[in-house]
Structures are given as structure tokens and as C-alpha cells.
Amino acid sequence: MRTLASMVGEVIIVRIPLLDPERMSLVKLHGVETHGIWIESQDFTNELMEKFQFSSSRTTPLVFVPFDKVDFIIAALDSLSLSEPAFGL
């Protein structure tokens, strides 16, 4: 199993209720600390830009999320996955 630290720089799937209480989100993992993770979320960036009426920014916001605010993180193995319903299973 890969460590979370080894996934820094990759896009991961998470459920973080602060971002979206019901859906999973794609985020880019930028850092792992003892008590949480640093992520980049396009949805969060869009909300921030809309709230402050920006159409662009020279910087990209990163969000620190404590581990106790993360419902789950999905990691992946390098092996084939199939959608059972797509194959009638």
C-alpha cells in the first residue's frame, strides 16, 4: 500500500464535508502534515473567485484540511478495474 506522502503531487479522490457534504471530490494533494493535508480544489477555487468577484488570480489557493474533517481518501493500485454494471454483472 502506498503512503499518503507518496501521493503528493497527484490528483486524489476524497470526501471532505467542508467542500461537499454528500459527494466525493477530485483534489490535488500538495502536502501531508501530522494533523492533516494540503489540497488544491478547483471547486473551492471557483467559489472563492466568485465570492470575491475575481476572474483570474496569479496564485492558486491551497486549503489545509485536518484529518478529522476528512471522511475518506481513495487510493488506487496499479491494476485493472471494471464497472460490473457496465458488463452486466
C-alpha atoms as a PDB file:
ATOM      1  CA  MET A   1       0.000   0.000   0.000  1.00  0.00           C
ATOM      2  CA  ARG A   2       1.273   3.449  -0.899  1.00  0.00           C
ATOM      3  CA  THR A   3       1.629   6.091   1.759  1.00  0.00           C
ATOM      4  CA  LEU A   4      -0.275   9.339   1.545  1.00  0.00           C
ATOM      5  CA  ALA A   5       3.036  11.209   1.429  1.00  0.00           C
ATOM      6  CA  SER A   6       3.987   9.254  -1.714  1.00  0.00           C
ATOM      7  CA  MET A   7       0.863  10.644  -3.431  1.00  0.00           C
ATOM      8  CA  VAL A   8       1.880  14.302  -3.055  1.00  0.00           C
ATOM      9  CA  GLY A   9       1.554  15.987  -6.433  1.00  0.00           C
ATOM     10  CA  GLU A  10      -1.182  13.608  -7.601  1.00  0.00           C
ATOM     11  CA  VAL A  11      -4.915  14.058  -8.009  1.00  0.00           C
ATOM     12  CA  ILE A  12      -6.775  12.015  -5.384  1.00  0.00           C
ATOM     13  CA  ILE A  13     -10.417  11.321  -4.570  1.00  0.00           C
ATOM     14  CA  VAL A  14     -11.671  12.466  -1.168  1.00  0.00           C
ATOM     15  CA  ARG A  15     -14.850  13.175   0.689  1.00  0.00           C
ATOM     16  CA  ILE A  16     -14.462  16.290   2.765  1.00  0.00           C
ATOM     17  CA  PRO A  17     -17.807  17.582   4.078  1.00  0.00           C
ATOM     18  CA  LEU A  18     -16.436  21.139   4.254  1.00  0.00           C
ATOM     19  CA  LEU A  19     -16.054  21.053   0.454  1.00  0.00           C
ATOM     20  CA  ASP A  20     -19.136  18.969  -0.335  1.00  0.00           C
ATOM     21  CA  PRO A  21     -21.052  17.095   2.375  1.00  0.00           C
ATOM     22  CA  GLU A  22     -22.519  14.477   0.031  1.00  0.00           C
ATOM     23  CA  ARG A  23     -20.181  13.964  -2.913  1.00  0.00           C
ATOM     24  CA  MET A  24     -16.624  12.886  -3.454  1.00  0.00           C
ATOM     25  CA  SER A  25     -14.196  15.467  -4.832  1.00  0.00           C
ATOM     26  CA  LEU A  26     -11.142  15.354  -7.046  1.00  0.00           C
ATOM     27  CA  VAL A  27      -8.350  17.371  -5.447  1.00  0.00           C
ATOM     28  CA  LYS A  28      -4.620  17.701  -5.930  1.00  0.00           C
ATOM     29  CA  LEU A  29      -2.605  16.690  -2.889  1.00  0.00           C
ATOM     30  CA  HIS A  30       0.135  19.219  -2.172  1.00  0.00           C
ATOM     31  CA  GLY A  31       1.322  18.190   1.265  1.00  0.00           C
ATOM     32  CA  VAL A  32       0.853  15.894   4.221  1.00  0.00           C
ATOM     33  CA  GLU A  33       1.427  17.049   7.791  1.00  0.00           C
ATOM     34  CA  THR A  34       0.964  15.334  11.126  1.00  0.00           C
ATOM     35  CA  HIS A  35      -2.596  16.599  11.554  1.00  0.00           C
ATOM     36  CA  GLY A  36      -3.884  16.992   8.016  1.00  0.00           C
ATOM     37  CA  ILE A  37      -3.381  17.542   4.302  1.00  0.00           C
ATOM     38  CA  TRP A  38      -2.811  20.497   1.997  1.00  0.00           C
ATOM     39  CA  ILE A  39      -5.016  20.295  -1.093  1.00  0.00           C
ATOM     40  CA  GLU A  40      -5.897  22.246  -4.201  1.00  0.00           C
ATOM     41  CA  SER A  41      -9.568  22.093  -5.162  1.00  0.00           C
ATOM     42  CA  GLN A  42     -10.875  23.637  -8.374  1.00  0.00           C
ATOM     43  CA  ASP A  43     -14.394  23.761  -6.908  1.00  0.00           C
ATOM     44  CA  PHE A  44     -13.101  25.655  -3.875  1.00  0.00           C
ATOM     45  CA  THR A  45     -11.109  27.993  -6.146  1.00  0.00           C
ATOM     46  CA  ASN A  46     -14.217  28.679  -8.248  1.00  0.00           C
ATOM     47  CA  GLU A  47     -16.253  29.517  -5.130  1.00  0.00           C
ATOM     48  CA  LEU A  48     -13.512  31.814  -3.846  1.00  0.00           C
ATOM     49  CA  MET A  49     -13.224  33.607  -7.189  1.00  0.00           C
ATOM     50  CA  GLU A  50     -16.988  34.061  -7.361  1.00  0.00           C
ATOM     51  CA  LYS A  51     -17.237  35.294  -3.764  1.00  0.00           C
ATOM     52  CA  PHE A  52     -14.534  37.923  -4.291  1.00  0.00           C
ATOM     53  CA  GLN A  53     -15.541  38.647  -7.904  1.00  0.00           C
ATOM     54  CA  PHE A  54     -12.210  37.622  -9.446  1.00  0.00           C
ATOM     55  CA  SER A  55     -11.977  36.159 -12.924  1.00  0.00           C
ATOM     56  CA  SER A  56      -8.326  35.164 -12.527  1.00  0.00           C
ATOM     57  CA  SER A  57      -5.519  35.136  -9.994  1.00  0.00           C
ATOM     58  CA  ARG A  58      -1.732  34.900 -10.146  1.00  0.00           C
ATOM     59  CA  THR A  59      -1.866  32.425  -7.272  1.00  0.00           C
ATOM     60  CA  THR A  60      -3.711  29.175  -6.585  1.00  0.00           C
ATOM     61  CA  PRO A  61      -5.298  28.728  -3.168  1.00  0.00           C
ATOM     62  CA  LEU A  62      -4.324  25.699  -1.108  1.00  0.00           C
ATOM     63  CA  VAL A  63      -6.563  24.517   1.710  1.00  0.00           C
ATOM     64  CA  PHE A  64      -5.354  22.795   4.875  1.00  0.00           C
ATOM     65  CA  VAL A  65      -7.852  20.143   5.959  1.00  0.00           C
ATOM     66  CA  PRO A  66      -7.363  18.457   9.343  1.00  0.00           C
ATOM     67  CA  PHE A  67      -7.643  14.660   9.188  1.00  0.00           C
ATOM     68  CA  ASP A  68     -10.677  14.724  11.496  1.00  0.00           C
ATOM     69  CA  LYS A  69     -12.546  16.695   8.795  1.00  0.00           C
ATOM     70  CA  VAL A  70     -11.817  14.100   6.066  1.00  0.00           C
ATOM     71  CA  ASP A  71     -14.376  11.290   5.733  1.00  0.00           C
ATOM     72  CA  PHE A  72     -12.142   9.225   3.450  1.00  0.00           C
ATOM     73  CA  ILE A  73      -9.374   9.277   0.865  1.00  0.00           C
ATOM     74  CA  ILE A  74      -9.371   6.833  -2.024  1.00  0.00           C
ATOM     75  CA  ALA A  75      -6.026   5.415  -3.069  1.00  0.00           C
ATOM     76  CA  ALA A  76      -5.506   3.271  -6.149  1.00  0.00           C
ATOM     77  CA  LEU A  77      -3.448   0.234  -7.018  1.00  0.00           C
ATOM     78  CA  ASP A  78      -1.892  -0.235 -10.418  1.00  0.00           C
ATOM     79  CA  SER A  79      -4.290  -2.953 -11.550  1.00  0.00           C
ATOM     80  CA  LEU A  80      -7.289  -3.137 -13.855  1.00  0.00           C
ATOM     81  CA  SER A  81     -10.730  -2.192 -12.504  1.00  0.00           C
ATOM     82  CA  LEU A  82     -14.021  -2.864 -14.265  1.00  0.00           C
ATOM     83  CA  SER A  83     -17.518  -1.493 -13.797  1.00  0.00           C
ATOM     84  CA  GLU A  84     -19.604  -4.590 -13.047  1.00  0.00           C
ATOM     85  CA  PRO A  85     -22.901  -2.934 -14.129  1.00  0.00           C
ATOM     86  CA  ALA A  86     -21.343  -1.920 -17.468  1.00  0.00           C
ATOM     87  CA  PHE A  87     -20.601  -5.605 -18.133  1.00  0.00           C
ATOM     88  CA  GLY A  88     -23.980  -6.813 -16.859  1.00  0.00           C
ATOM     89  CA  LEU A  89     -22.569  -8.321 -13.673  1.00  0.00           C
END
